[in-house]
Protein backbone atom coordinates (compact mmCIF):
# COMPACT_ATOMS: atom_id res chain seq x y z
CA MET A 1 90.96 77.16 88.52
CA LYS A 2 88.42 75.05 90.41
CA LYS A 3 85.07 76.60 91.28
CA LYS A 4 84.61 76.94 95.00
CA THR A 5 81.04 77.17 96.19
CA ARG A 6 80.77 78.92 99.54
CA LYS A 7 77.98 79.25 102.08
CA ILE A 8 76.67 82.31 103.86
CA ILE A 9 73.68 82.87 106.12
CA VAL A 10 71.74 86.11 105.73
CA GLY A 11 68.69 86.52 107.91
CA GLU A 12 67.51 83.01 108.52
CA LYS A 13 68.29 81.67 105.05
CA GLU A 14 71.37 79.85 103.81
CA TYR A 15 72.78 80.96 100.47
CA LEU A 16 75.46 79.51 98.22
CA TYR A 17 77.70 81.66 96.06
CA VAL A 18 80.51 81.22 93.60
CA ILE A 19 82.87 83.77 92.06
CA ASN A 20 84.28 83.13 88.58
CA GLN A 21 86.64 85.21 86.50
CA LYS A 22 87.94 85.32 82.95
CA TYR A 23 90.80 87.39 81.58
CA THR A 24 90.68 88.82 78.09
CA GLN A 25 92.97 91.52 76.70
CA HIS A 26 93.90 93.17 80.02
CA LEU A 27 90.30 93.00 81.26
CA SER A 28 88.93 91.02 84.17
CA ASN A 29 85.38 89.76 83.71
CA ILE A 30 83.98 88.55 87.01
CA SER A 31 80.68 86.89 87.79
CA LEU A 32 79.17 86.47 91.23
CA LYS A 33 76.34 83.91 91.32
CA ILE A 34 74.18 83.58 94.41
CA SER A 35 71.40 81.08 95.10
CA LEU A 36 69.39 79.68 97.96
CA LYS A 37 70.91 76.45 99.23
CA ASN A 38 68.07 74.27 97.94
CA LEU A 39 67.52 76.16 94.66
CA LYS A 40 70.96 76.16 93.04
CA ASN A 41 69.69 76.77 89.49
CA LEU A 42 67.75 79.94 90.38
CA THR A 43 70.58 82.43 90.65
CA CYS A 44 71.06 86.10 91.19
CA THR A 45 74.08 87.00 89.05
CA PHE A 46 76.24 90.12 89.18
CA LEU A 47 78.71 90.86 86.38
CA PHE A 48 81.78 93.07 86.79
CA CYS A 49 84.31 94.27 84.23
CA THR A 50 87.50 95.97 85.42
CA TRP A 51 91.06 96.37 84.24
CA ASP A 52 93.43 93.60 85.21
CA ASP A 53 96.97 93.94 86.48
CA PRO A 54 99.27 91.22 85.08
CA ILE A 55 101.11 90.92 88.40
CA SER A 56 98.55 91.50 91.15
CA GLY A 57 95.39 90.44 89.31
CA SER A 58 91.88 91.79 89.37
CA PRO A 59 91.43 94.60 91.90
CA LEU A 60 88.03 93.37 93.09
CA LEU A 61 89.42 89.92 93.88
CA VAL A 62 92.70 90.82 95.54
CA GLY A 63 91.32 93.77 97.49
CA VAL A 64 91.36 97.43 96.68
CA SER A 65 90.95 100.67 98.62
CA LEU A 66 87.72 102.38 97.65
CA LYS A 67 86.56 105.75 98.90
CA ASN A 68 83.27 105.60 100.77
CA LYS A 69 81.35 108.60 99.42
CA ASP A 70 79.37 109.00 102.67
CA THR A 71 82.32 109.05 105.10
CA ASN A 72 85.15 110.09 102.73
CA ASN A 73 87.22 107.27 104.24
CA LEU A 74 89.14 104.65 102.26
CA GLU A 75 87.84 101.13 102.87
CA ASN A 76 89.37 97.85 101.80
CA TYR A 77 86.92 96.28 99.34
CA ASN A 78 87.09 92.67 98.19
CA LEU A 79 84.46 90.45 96.58
CA HIS A 80 85.64 87.55 98.74
CA TYR A 81 84.62 89.30 101.99
CA PRO A 82 81.43 87.89 103.55
CA ARG A 83 80.14 91.41 104.31
CA THR A 84 80.44 92.25 100.60
CA ILE A 85 78.54 89.11 99.58
CA ARG A 86 75.86 89.95 102.16
CA GLU A 87 75.46 93.44 100.62
CA PHE A 88 74.96 91.89 97.17
CA ILE A 89 72.40 89.39 98.50
CA LEU A 90 70.44 92.21 100.11
CA TYR A 91 70.71 94.29 96.94
CA GLY A 92 69.34 91.41 94.87
CA LEU A 93 66.47 90.84 97.29
CA GLU A 94 65.60 94.56 97.26
CA ASN A 95 65.68 94.67 93.45
CA GLY A 96 63.48 91.81 92.30
CA TRP A 97 65.23 88.59 93.23
CA THR A 98 63.20 86.30 95.47
CA GLY A 99 65.47 83.27 95.52
CA GLU A 100 62.90 81.49 93.36
CA ASN A 101 63.63 83.33 90.11
CA ILE A 102 66.63 84.09 87.91
CA ILE A 103 67.92 87.64 87.64
CA GLU A 104 71.12 89.13 86.22
CA PHE A 105 72.64 92.52 86.93
CA GLN A 106 74.95 93.53 84.07
CA ASP A 107 76.88 96.41 85.69
CA GLY A 108 78.27 95.37 89.05
CA LEU A 109 80.50 98.44 89.25
CA GLU A 110 77.44 100.68 89.03
CA ILE A 111 75.89 98.71 91.89
CA ILE A 112 79.02 99.18 94.00
CA SER A 113 78.78 102.90 93.20
CA ASN A 114 75.12 102.90 94.31
CA MET A 115 76.25 101.27 97.56
CA GLY A 116 78.28 104.41 98.23
CA TYR A 117 81.77 103.77 96.82
CA ASP A 118 83.80 105.68 94.25
CA VAL A 119 84.61 103.12 91.54
CA SER A 120 85.48 105.49 88.69
CA TRP A 121 89.13 104.40 88.56
CA LEU A 122 88.17 100.70 88.34
CA LYS A 123 86.32 101.07 85.07
CA SER A 124 88.08 99.62 82.06
């Protein structure tokens, strides 16, 4: 599958991001790499590991209903949604990424949980 770099503007800055995935033994390993447009090698990376359905694919990439712990409502959650990418950019900026350094967050599901979603059933 070809990598597709996408653009998003948050605040007054333009960011690039790419989502990659690998399947191994019924697991989906996903990486989300974000960088400033002019600093492509200085990335903020988020890693996710979930179960993988052989027919529908990885739940975070095809869309999944997650319960928002604050409102108790089910929300459609997908890593391809621009609002989701924006949340991860803001999370990275609030947690040590400046756009001019490299940082990696190992447990993306924990971050989604910290953002207010119940992800317990996504864990492998």
